[in-house]
Every structure is written in structure tokens, then in C-alpha cells.
C-alpha atoms as a PDB file:
ATOM      1  CA  UNK A   1     -21.033  11.874 -22.094  1.00  0.00           C
ATOM      2  CA  UNK A   2     -20.916  15.362 -23.621  1.00  0.00           C
ATOM      3  CA  UNK A   3     -24.134  16.160 -25.466  1.00  0.00           C
ATOM      4  CA  UNK A   4     -24.916  19.139 -27.705  1.00  0.00           C
ATOM      5  CA  UNK A   5     -28.543  20.011 -28.453  1.00  0.00           C
ATOM      6  CA  UNK A   6     -29.409  22.373 -31.307  1.00  0.00           C
ATOM      7  CA  UNK A   7     -32.624  24.310 -30.708  1.00  0.00           C
ATOM      8  CA  UNK A   8     -34.700  27.112 -32.238  1.00  0.00           C
ATOM      9  CA  UNK A   9     -37.136  29.819 -31.120  1.00  0.00           C
ATOM     10  CA  UNK A  10     -40.281  29.612 -33.265  1.00  0.00           C
ATOM     11  CA  UNK A  11     -43.604  31.478 -33.515  1.00  0.00           C
ATOM     12  CA  UNK A  12     -46.736  29.629 -32.414  1.00  0.00           C
ATOM     13  CA  UNK A  13     -49.131  29.963 -35.352  1.00  0.00           C
ATOM     14  CA  UNK A  14     -51.582  27.071 -34.923  1.00  0.00           C
ATOM     15  CA  UNK A  15     -54.316  29.171 -33.310  1.00  0.00           C
ATOM     16  CA  UNK A  16     -53.190  32.659 -34.362  1.00  0.00           C
ATOM     17  CA  UNK A  17     -54.483  34.965 -37.084  1.00  0.00           C
ATOM     18  CA  UNK A  18     -51.771  35.317 -39.697  1.00  0.00           C
ATOM     19  CA  UNK A  19     -51.047  38.365 -41.844  1.00  0.00           C
ATOM     20  CA  UNK A  20     -48.414  38.909 -44.534  1.00  0.00           C
ATOM     21  CA  UNK A  21     -46.000  41.855 -44.453  1.00  0.00           C
ATOM     22  CA  UNK A  22     -46.423  44.563 -47.117  1.00  0.00           C
ATOM     23  CA  UNK A  23     -43.311  43.428 -48.987  1.00  0.00           C
ATOM     24  CA  UNK A  24     -44.764  39.907 -49.220  1.00  0.00           C
ATOM     25  CA  UNK A  25     -41.610  38.260 -47.928  1.00  0.00           C
ATOM     26  CA  UNK A  26     -42.735  37.126 -44.467  1.00  0.00           C
ATOM     27  CA  UNK A  27     -45.659  36.917 -42.084  1.00  0.00           C
ATOM     28  CA  UNK A  28     -46.205  39.603 -39.456  1.00  0.00           C
ATOM     29  CA  UNK A  29     -44.757  38.363 -36.190  1.00  0.00           C
ATOM     30  CA  UNK A  30     -45.146  41.271 -33.778  1.00  0.00           C
ATOM     31  CA  UNK A  31     -48.401  39.832 -32.376  1.00  0.00           C
ATOM     32  CA  UNK A  32     -47.250  36.206 -32.236  1.00  0.00           C
ATOM     33  CA  UNK A  33     -46.112  34.233 -29.198  1.00  0.00           C
ATOM     34  CA  UNK A  34     -42.662  32.612 -29.516  1.00  0.00           C
ATOM     35  CA  UNK A  35     -41.470  29.482 -27.748  1.00  0.00           C
ATOM     36  CA  UNK A  36     -39.011  26.608 -27.904  1.00  0.00           C
ATOM     37  CA  UNK A  37     -39.642  24.422 -30.958  1.00  0.00           C
ATOM     38  CA  UNK A  38     -41.682  21.404 -29.856  1.00  0.00           C
ATOM     39  CA  UNK A  39     -39.370  18.757 -31.368  1.00  0.00           C
ATOM     40  CA  UNK A  40     -36.375  20.515 -29.783  1.00  0.00           C
ATOM     41  CA  UNK A  41     -37.958  20.382 -26.326  1.00  0.00           C
ATOM     42  CA  UNK A  42     -38.032  16.584 -26.568  1.00  0.00           C
ATOM     43  CA  UNK A  43     -34.392  16.627 -27.711  1.00  0.00           C
ATOM     44  CA  UNK A  44     -33.362  18.703 -24.695  1.00  0.00           C
ATOM     45  CA  UNK A  45     -35.277  16.454 -22.324  1.00  0.00           C
ATOM     46  CA  UNK A  46     -33.689  13.334 -23.853  1.00  0.00           C
ATOM     47  CA  UNK A  47     -30.222  14.862 -23.553  1.00  0.00           C
ATOM     48  CA  UNK A  48     -30.797  15.576 -19.858  1.00  0.00           C
ATOM     49  CA  UNK A  49     -32.088  12.036 -19.255  1.00  0.00           C
ATOM     50  CA  UNK A  50     -29.003  10.580 -20.953  1.00  0.00           C
ATOM     51  CA  UNK A  51     -26.767  12.835 -18.840  1.00  0.00           C
ATOM     52  CA  UNK A  52     -28.527  11.641 -15.672  1.00  0.00           C
ATOM     53  CA  UNK A  53     -27.884   7.996 -16.637  1.00  0.00           C
ATOM     54  CA  UNK A  54     -24.314   8.263 -17.894  1.00  0.00           C
ATOM     55  CA  UNK A  55     -22.921  11.551 -16.552  1.00  0.00           C
ATOM     56  CA  UNK A  56     -21.352  14.385 -18.518  1.00  0.00           C
ATOM     57  CA  UNK A  57     -22.883  17.708 -19.542  1.00  0.00           C
ATOM     58  CA  UNK A  58     -25.471  19.141 -21.913  1.00  0.00           C
ATOM     59  CA  UNK A  59     -24.870  22.237 -24.034  1.00  0.00           C
ATOM     60  CA  UNK A  60     -27.744  23.985 -25.842  1.00  0.00           C
ATOM     61  CA  UNK A  61     -26.950  25.940 -29.030  1.00  0.00           C
ATOM     62  CA  UNK A  62     -29.150  28.151 -31.181  1.00  0.00           C
ATOM     63  CA  UNK A  63     -28.704  30.371 -34.229  1.00  0.00           C
ATOM     64  CA  UNK A  64     -31.030  33.310 -33.796  1.00  0.00           C
ATOM     65  CA  UNK A  65     -31.697  36.905 -32.706  1.00  0.00           C
ATOM     66  CA  UNK A  66     -31.204  38.364 -29.232  1.00  0.00           C
ATOM     67  CA  UNK A  67     -34.667  37.173 -28.176  1.00  0.00           C
ATOM     68  CA  UNK A  68     -33.506  33.583 -28.683  1.00  0.00           C
ATOM     69  CA  UNK A  69     -31.886  33.773 -25.254  1.00  0.00           C
ATOM     70  CA  UNK A  70     -35.385  33.143 -23.862  1.00  0.00           C
ATOM     71  CA  UNK A  71     -35.469  29.591 -25.229  1.00  0.00           C
ATOM     72  CA  UNK A  72     -31.868  28.982 -24.148  1.00  0.00           C
ATOM     73  CA  UNK A  73     -32.843  29.971 -20.611  1.00  0.00           C
ATOM     74  CA  UNK A  74     -35.665  27.448 -20.815  1.00  0.00           C
ATOM     75  CA  UNK A  75     -33.193  24.777 -21.958  1.00  0.00           C
ATOM     76  CA  UNK A  76     -31.010  25.578 -18.941  1.00  0.00           C
ATOM     77  CA  UNK A  77     -34.056  25.346 -16.686  1.00  0.00           C
ATOM     78  CA  UNK A  78     -34.812  21.922 -18.189  1.00  0.00           C
ATOM     79  CA  UNK A  79     -31.370  20.706 -17.113  1.00  0.00           C
ATOM     80  CA  UNK A  80     -28.846  21.837 -19.721  1.00  0.00           C
ATOM     81  CA  UNK A  81     -25.552  22.949 -18.147  1.00  0.00           C
ATOM     82  CA  UNK A  82     -24.574  25.781 -20.486  1.00  0.00           C
ATOM     83  CA  UNK A  83     -25.830  27.546 -23.584  1.00  0.00           C
ATOM     84  CA  UNK A  84     -24.564  29.416 -26.630  1.00  0.00           C
ATOM     85  CA  UNK A  85     -26.353  31.838 -28.957  1.00  0.00           C
ATOM     86  CA  UNK A  86     -24.898  32.359 -32.424  1.00  0.00           C
ATOM     87  CA  UNK A  87     -25.689  35.546 -34.299  1.00  0.00           C
ATOM     88  CA  UNK A  88     -28.397  35.142 -36.933  1.00  0.00           C
ATOM     89  CA  UNK A  89     -27.351  35.765 -40.568  1.00  0.00           C
ATOM     90  CA  UNK A  90     -29.423  38.237 -42.655  1.00  0.00           C
ATOM     91  CA  UNK A  91     -30.972  35.410 -44.677  1.00  0.00           C
ATOM     92  CA  UNK A  92     -30.516  31.687 -44.455  1.00  0.00           C
ATOM     93  CA  UNK A  93     -31.603  28.209 -45.446  1.00  0.00           C
ATOM     94  CA  UNK A  94     -31.148  24.805 -43.820  1.00  0.00           C
ATOM     95  CA  UNK A  95     -27.672  24.223 -45.259  1.00  0.00           C
ATOM     96  CA  UNK A  96     -26.404  27.614 -44.144  1.00  0.00           C
ATOM     97  CA  UNK A  97     -27.649  27.054 -40.586  1.00  0.00           C
ATOM     98  CA  UNK A  98     -25.977  23.632 -40.583  1.00  0.00           C
ATOM     99  CA  UNK A  99     -22.695  25.175 -41.766  1.00  0.00           C
ATOM    100  CA  UNK A 100     -22.787  27.820 -39.038  1.00  0.00           C
ATOM    101  CA  UNK A 101     -23.497  25.177 -36.390  1.00  0.00           C
ATOM    102  CA  UNK A 102     -20.740  22.943 -37.747  1.00  0.00           C
ATOM    103  CA  UNK A 103     -18.186  25.739 -37.513  1.00  0.00           C
ATOM    104  CA  UNK A 104     -18.989  26.213 -33.815  1.00  0.00           C
ATOM    105  CA  UNK A 105     -19.381  22.549 -32.873  1.00  0.00           C
ATOM    106  CA  UNK A 106     -16.057  21.544 -34.454  1.00  0.00           C
ATOM    107  CA  UNK A 107     -14.369  23.364 -31.591  1.00  0.00           C
ATOM    108  CA  UNK A 108     -16.431  21.647 -28.889  1.00  0.00           C
ATOM    109  CA  UNK A 109     -15.931  18.226 -27.288  1.00  0.00           C
ATOM    110  CA  UNK A 110     -18.987  16.032 -27.874  1.00  0.00           C
ATOM    111  CA  UNK A 111     -20.106  12.414 -27.911  1.00  0.00           C
ATOM    112  CA  UNK A 112     -23.638  13.026 -29.095  1.00  0.00           C
ATOM    113  CA  UNK A 113     -25.567  15.739 -30.940  1.00  0.00           C
ATOM    114  CA  UNK A 114     -29.352  15.908 -30.760  1.00  0.00           C
ATOM    115  CA  UNK A 115     -31.712  18.051 -32.835  1.00  0.00           C
ATOM    116  CA  UNK A 116     -35.443  18.028 -33.344  1.00  0.00           C
ATOM    117  CA  UNK A 117     -36.735  16.203 -36.426  1.00  0.00           C
ATOM    118  CA  UNK A 118     -37.890  19.548 -37.826  1.00  0.00           C
ATOM    119  CA  UNK A 119     -39.067  23.005 -36.787  1.00  0.00           C
ATOM    120  CA  UNK A 120     -42.642  24.170 -36.506  1.00  0.00           C
ATOM    121  CA  UNK A 121     -42.094  27.231 -38.710  1.00  0.00           C
ATOM    122  CA  UNK A 122     -39.909  26.185 -41.665  1.00  0.00           C
ATOM    123  CA  UNK A 123     -40.405  22.426 -41.427  1.00  0.00           C
ATOM    124  CA  UNK A 124     -37.270  21.697 -43.483  1.00  0.00           C
ATOM    125  CA  UNK A 125     -36.200  18.598 -41.576  1.00  0.00           C
ATOM    126  CA  UNK A 126     -32.739  19.072 -43.086  1.00  0.00           C
ATOM    127  CA  UNK A 127     -30.543  20.863 -40.548  1.00  0.00           C
ATOM    128  CA  UNK A 128     -29.727  17.807 -38.431  1.00  0.00           C
ATOM    129  CA  UNK A 129     -28.761  15.444 -41.236  1.00  0.00           C
ATOM    130  CA  UNK A 130     -26.831  18.208 -43.049  1.00  0.00           C
ATOM    131  CA  UNK A 131     -24.918  18.974 -39.860  1.00  0.00           C
ATOM    132  CA  UNK A 132     -23.950  15.304 -39.450  1.00  0.00           C
ATOM    133  CA  UNK A 133     -22.658  15.208 -43.022  1.00  0.00           C
ATOM    134  CA  UNK A 134     -20.600  18.379 -42.523  1.00  0.00           C
ATOM    135  CA  UNK A 135     -19.082  16.999 -39.314  1.00  0.00           C
ATOM    136  CA  UNK A 136     -18.415  13.612 -40.903  1.00  0.00           C
ATOM    137  CA  UNK A 137     -20.255  11.632 -38.214  1.00  0.00           C
ATOM    138  CA  UNK A 138     -22.980   8.950 -38.501  1.00  0.00           C
ATOM    139  CA  UNK A 139     -26.596   9.922 -37.935  1.00  0.00           C
ATOM    140  CA  UNK A 140     -30.107   8.543 -37.600  1.00  0.00           C
ATOM    141  CA  UNK A 141     -33.313  10.513 -38.125  1.00  0.00           C
ATOM    142  CA  UNK A 142     -36.787  10.403 -36.530  1.00  0.00           C
ATOM    143  CA  UNK A 143     -35.418   8.629 -33.451  1.00  0.00           C
ATOM    144  CA  UNK A 144     -37.826   7.646 -30.668  1.00  0.00           C
ATOM    145  CA  UNK A 145     -35.540   5.595 -28.397  1.00  0.00           C
ATOM    146  CA  UNK A 146     -31.839   5.765 -27.454  1.00  0.00           C
ATOM    147  CA  UNK A 147     -29.700   3.383 -25.385  1.00  0.00           C
ATOM    148  CA  UNK A 148     -25.967   3.931 -24.863  1.00  0.00           C
ATOM    149  CA  UNK A 149     -23.454   1.146 -24.207  1.00  0.00           C
ATOM    150  CA  UNK A 150     -19.716   0.629 -24.878  1.00  0.00           C
ATOM    151  CA  UNK A 151     -19.260   3.644 -27.119  1.00  0.00           C
ATOM    152  CA  UNK A 152     -22.281   2.787 -29.251  1.00  0.00           C
ATOM    153  CA  UNK A 153     -25.918   3.848 -29.350  1.00  0.00           C
ATOM    154  CA  UNK A 154     -28.793   1.492 -30.062  1.00  0.00           C
ATOM    155  CA  UNK A 155     -31.623   3.560 -31.477  1.00  0.00           C
ATOM    156  CA  UNK A 156     -35.120   2.966 -32.747  1.00  0.00           C
ATOM    157  CA  UNK A 157     -36.373   5.214 -35.550  1.00  0.00           C
ATOM    158  CA  UNK A 158     -39.719   5.633 -37.266  1.00  0.00           C
ATOM    159  CA  UNK A 159     -40.258   4.594 -40.856  1.00  0.00           C
ATOM    160  CA  UNK A 160     -43.266   5.049 -43.118  1.00  0.00           C
ATOM    161  CA  UNK A 161     -46.334   2.846 -42.818  1.00  0.00           C
ATOM    162  CA  UNK A 162     -46.037   2.327 -39.063  1.00  0.00           C
ATOM    163  CA  UNK A 163     -42.723   0.459 -39.367  1.00  0.00           C
ATOM    164  CA  UNK A 164     -39.726   1.001 -37.091  1.00  0.00           C
ATOM    165  CA  UNK A 165     -36.026   0.332 -37.570  1.00  0.00           C
ATOM    166  CA  UNK A 166     -33.434  -0.687 -34.968  1.00  0.00           C
ATOM    167  CA  UNK A 167     -29.890   0.563 -35.532  1.00  0.00           C
ATOM    168  CA  UNK A 168     -26.542   0.352 -33.744  1.00  0.00           C
ATOM    169  CA  UNK A 169     -24.492   3.501 -34.289  1.00  0.00           C
ATOM    170  CA  UNK A 170     -20.938   4.168 -33.168  1.00  0.00           C
ATOM    171  CA  UNK A 171     -20.393   7.415 -31.244  1.00  0.00           C
ATOM    172  CA  UNK A 172     -19.903  10.293 -31.784  1.00  0.00           C
ATOM    173  CA  UNK A 173     -23.140  10.533 -33.732  1.00  0.00           C
ATOM    174  CA  UNK A 174     -26.116  12.796 -34.402  1.00  0.00           C
ATOM    175  CA  UNK A 175     -29.785  11.896 -33.932  1.00  0.00           C
ATOM    176  CA  UNK A 176     -32.866  13.901 -34.887  1.00  0.00           C
ATOM    177  CA  UNK A 177     -35.457  13.398 -32.155  1.00  0.00           C
ATOM    178  CA  UNK A 178     -39.127  12.608 -32.683  1.00  0.00           C
ATOM    179  CA  UNK A 179     -41.846  13.857 -30.342  1.00  0.00           C
ATOM    180  CA  UNK A 180     -43.005  11.226 -27.866  1.00  0.00           C
ATOM    181  CA  UNK A 181     -39.534   9.835 -27.127  1.00  0.00           C
ATOM    182  CA  UNK A 182     -40.001  10.919 -23.494  1.00  0.00           C
ATOM    183  CA  UNK A 183     -42.363  12.729 -21.135  1.00  0.00           C
ATOM    184  CA  UNK A 184     -41.832  16.514 -21.204  1.00  0.00           C
ATOM    185  CA  UNK A 185     -40.884  17.970 -17.835  1.00  0.00           C
ATOM    186  CA  UNK A 186     -42.736  20.925 -16.339  1.00  0.00           C
ATOM    187  CA  UNK A 187     -40.420  23.907 -15.935  1.00  0.00           C
ATOM    188  CA  UNK A 188     -41.160  25.969 -12.841  1.00  0.00           C
ATOM    189  CA  UNK A 189     -40.533  29.674 -12.388  1.00  0.00           C
ATOM    190  CA  UNK A 190     -37.948  28.823  -9.725  1.00  0.00           C
ATOM    191  CA  UNK A 191     -36.056  26.655 -12.237  1.00  0.00           C
ATOM    192  CA  UNK A 192     -36.081  29.486 -14.789  1.00  0.00           C
ATOM    193  CA  UNK A 193     -34.731  31.930 -12.213  1.00  0.00           C
ATOM    194  CA  UNK A 194     -31.970  29.480 -11.270  1.00  0.00           C
ATOM    195  CA  UNK A 195     -31.171  28.967 -14.957  1.00  0.00           C
ATOM    196  CA  UNK A 196     -30.339  32.648 -15.308  1.00  0.00           C
ATOM    197  CA  UNK A 197     -27.267  31.980 -13.157  1.00  0.00           C
ATOM    198  CA  UNK A 198     -25.918  29.338 -15.544  1.00  0.00           C
ATOM    199  CA  UNK A 199     -23.393  30.024 -18.297  1.00  0.00           C
ATOM    200  CA  UNK A 200     -24.796  31.539 -21.499  1.00  0.00           C
ATOM    201  CA  UNK A 201     -22.381  32.832 -24.124  1.00  0.00           C
ATOM    202  CA  UNK A 202     -22.897  34.639 -27.414  1.00  0.00           C
ATOM    203  CA  UNK A 203     -20.776  34.597 -30.544  1.00  0.00           C
ATOM    204  CA  UNK A 204     -20.958  36.765 -33.650  1.00  0.00           C
ATOM    205  CA  UNK A 205     -20.554  35.578 -37.214  1.00  0.00           C
ATOM    206  CA  UNK A 206     -17.400  37.673 -37.645  1.00  0.00           C
ATOM    207  CA  UNK A 207     -15.845  35.890 -34.663  1.00  0.00           C
ATOM    208  CA  UNK A 208     -16.399  32.629 -36.546  1.00  0.00           C
ATOM    209  CA  UNK A 209     -14.544  34.032 -39.552  1.00  0.00           C
ATOM    210  CA  UNK A 210     -17.810  34.199 -41.489  1.00  0.00           C
ATOM    211  CA  UNK A 211     -17.948  36.441 -44.551  1.00  0.00           C
ATOM    212  CA  UNK A 212     -20.992  38.107 -46.105  1.00  0.00           C
ATOM    213  CA  UNK A 213     -20.564  36.081 -49.286  1.00  0.00           C
ATOM    214  CA  UNK A 214     -21.076  32.875 -47.319  1.00  0.00           C
ATOM    215  CA  UNK A 215     -24.622  33.996 -46.526  1.00  0.00           C
ATOM    216  CA  UNK A 216     -25.691  34.126 -50.172  1.00  0.00           C
ATOM    217  CA  UNK A 217     -27.679  30.924 -50.371  1.00  0.00           C
ATOM    218  CA  UNK A 218     -31.442  30.634 -50.829  1.00  0.00           C
ATOM    219  CA  UNK A 219     -33.442  33.857 -50.840  1.00  0.00           C
ATOM    220  CA  UNK A 220     -37.136  34.182 -50.058  1.00  0.00           C
ATOM    221  CA  UNK A 221     -39.012  35.730 -52.971  1.00  0.00           C
ATOM    222  CA  UNK A 222     -42.593  35.764 -51.720  1.00  0.00           C
ATOM    223  CA  UNK A 223     -44.956  34.103 -49.255  1.00  0.00           C
ATOM    224  CA  UNK A 224     -48.683  33.650 -49.778  1.00  0.00           C
ATOM    225  CA  UNK A 225     -51.656  31.865 -48.301  1.00  0.00           C
ATOM    226  CA  UNK A 226     -52.894  28.694 -50.066  1.00  0.00           C
ATOM    227  CA  UNK A 227     -55.454  29.562 -52.746  1.00  0.00           C
ATOM    228  CA  UNK A 228     -59.081  29.037 -51.769  1.00  0.00           C
ATOM    229  CA  UNK A 229     -61.230  26.646 -53.725  1.00  0.00           C
ATOM    230  CA  UNK A 230     -61.014  23.069 -54.898  1.00  0.00           C
ATOM    231  CA  UNK A 231     -57.805  21.622 -53.507  1.00  0.00           C
ATOM    232  CA  UNK A 232     -58.042  17.893 -54.183  1.00  0.00           C
ATOM    233  CA  UNK A 233     -59.436  15.461 -56.696  1.00  0.00           C
ATOM    234  CA  UNK A 234     -59.795  11.723 -56.145  1.00  0.00           C
ATOM    235  CA  UNK A 235     -59.000   9.700 -59.248  1.00  0.00           C
ATOM    236  CA  UNK A 236     -60.942   6.476 -59.723  1.00  0.00           C
ATOM    237  CA  UNK A 237     -60.455   3.466 -61.957  1.00  0.00           C
ATOM    238  CA  UNK A 238     -57.809   0.858 -62.645  1.00  0.00           C
ATOM    239  CA  UNK A 239     -54.124   1.720 -62.193  1.00  0.00           C
ATOM    240  CA  UNK A 240     -53.785   2.225 -65.954  1.00  0.00           C
ATOM    241  CA  UNK A 241     -56.837   4.515 -66.070  1.00  0.00           C
ATOM    242  CA  UNK A 242     -55.595   6.543 -63.122  1.00  0.00           C
ATOM    243  CA  UNK A 243     -52.181   6.985 -64.767  1.00  0.00           C
ATOM    244  CA  UNK A 244     -53.872   8.253 -67.949  1.00  0.00           C
ATOM    245  CA  UNK A 245     -56.046  10.674 -65.970  1.00  0.00           C
ATOM    246  CA  UNK A 246     -53.044  11.957 -64.026  1.00  0.00           C
ATOM    247  CA  UNK A 247     -51.066  12.412 -67.239  1.00  0.00           C
ATOM    248  CA  UNK A 248     -53.837  14.547 -68.724  1.00  0.00           C
ATOM    249  CA  UNK A 249     -54.044  16.674 -65.579  1.00  0.00           C
ATOM    250  CA  UNK A 250     -50.280  17.314 -65.647  1.00  0.00           C
ATOM    251  CA  UNK A 251     -50.481  18.283 -69.331  1.00  0.00           C
ATOM    252  CA  UNK A 252     -53.298  20.748 -68.642  1.00  0.00           C
ATOM    253  CA  UNK A 253     -51.380  22.251 -65.724  1.00  0.00           C
ATOM    254  CA  UNK A 254     -48.255  22.431 -67.917  1.00  0.00           C
ATOM    255  CA  UNK A 255     -46.345  20.504 -65.247  1.00  0.00           C
END
């Protein structure tokens, strides 16, 4: 069972003071702590658990800067067998990241690909499903249980309203992993030191045959903090009255 896990290094912003760069195109990150994306940590752990049950190997892949090797080392300490860092493009969106990953993964043997449901910074929730489409393999999103048998995976995935769905998916396949699918494993300093002896490769975009024109997708124009003040209004009345009120609001806002 060869498993590929796609991960990302993200800034921890929940309890940090945030400031915007002078050009208005990003937040200042020099004072922020970076770590493995939370959803991705569950994906890595699940991949290792599957490997322990069925054999095979786990490969961790990231698209990111040189510092991203820190999270790959953590993945190796968690039980991944090898890792690969792909050079980060100058600007990118979810589809571009998926295309870069697809170009690398097409040359790798795999039975299963795992990603986190989303990342803590961008929160797109699109890379995993886009990658599955590009590779032409089946997928399931927001997965919180996986069982493998006879070349198929039986998975449980979350739906809205507290509902869950059971699916049987033929391998190879891709699943985006929800937090809570397993119990995170503590990573000791000794495990991190041992992980530094495992295989970690790097590949540049030029080596993938990537051209600068292929990076011209979405561009970030400006970031800003949410405006202060009244942020929500509760509409009351019958469904027809609420629709009329909402219509008037949209007209006033020129929506």
C-alpha cells in the first residue's frame, strides 16, 4: 500500500497579533510561528496507521519555500518513510498547486493519496479534490474513517446537518481527511533527530518542465481586516416577509 500525503507549512494566527504589509498584499509573517497544518497532521497519522495495518510506504509532499523542510521532517518523525519538497511558485491558487502536485505524483507509484480537508491559512478546501480530478481518480472529501479491503476503500464522510455518508471507493483514490479521524501522536525530539536521517528530496519547477506562463493564475490584489461595526442583522417575519426584506437589503447594497 503506497500512500502519498500532501501537506503544508502554515502560520499559527489564532492567538497572534496580525499586521498587514505596507503594500497591502499580505500579512506580516516574520513574528509568526509556523507549523504543520492541523488537518494535514491527521492525514499523515492516518497514512501511517494504514501502512502499519497493510504494509507499504508513506511519502510526504509539500509545495513551499525552503523552510517547509521543517514540516516534512515532522512528517518523517511521525512515521512517513520519505519526503519531497517542490519549489514554491511566485504566486499561486488552489488549482495551480494541484497542477504542480499532479505533475510530480504522476511519476510516483501510489494506491492512496491523502490531504487535509483544508489549510488553516487559505482555507480553500479545493486542492485535494482538484488534484483527484487532474489525476483522473475517484475521491471523497471530509473523510473521518477509512477501511481497506480487496482493492477498495470503505470510507465514512461528514455531511451537513450532522449527517454522515458511507461510500465504497475503488483504489487508487484520493481522500481529504477531517480532524478527529484518529488520535494525534506525540513526536519526541529523538524521533525528529532520527527523521533527519530519512530521505528528503527537493525538486525545482524548471525540473518539472514548468514555465513562467503556467504560474499566471489568480493574483492577490489586497488584504484587509474585516470592517468594525454592525456585522449581522436578524430578519424576522414569515418566509415571504423575510424574502422581501432581503431583497430590499440587496437593492440598497447594489448587490
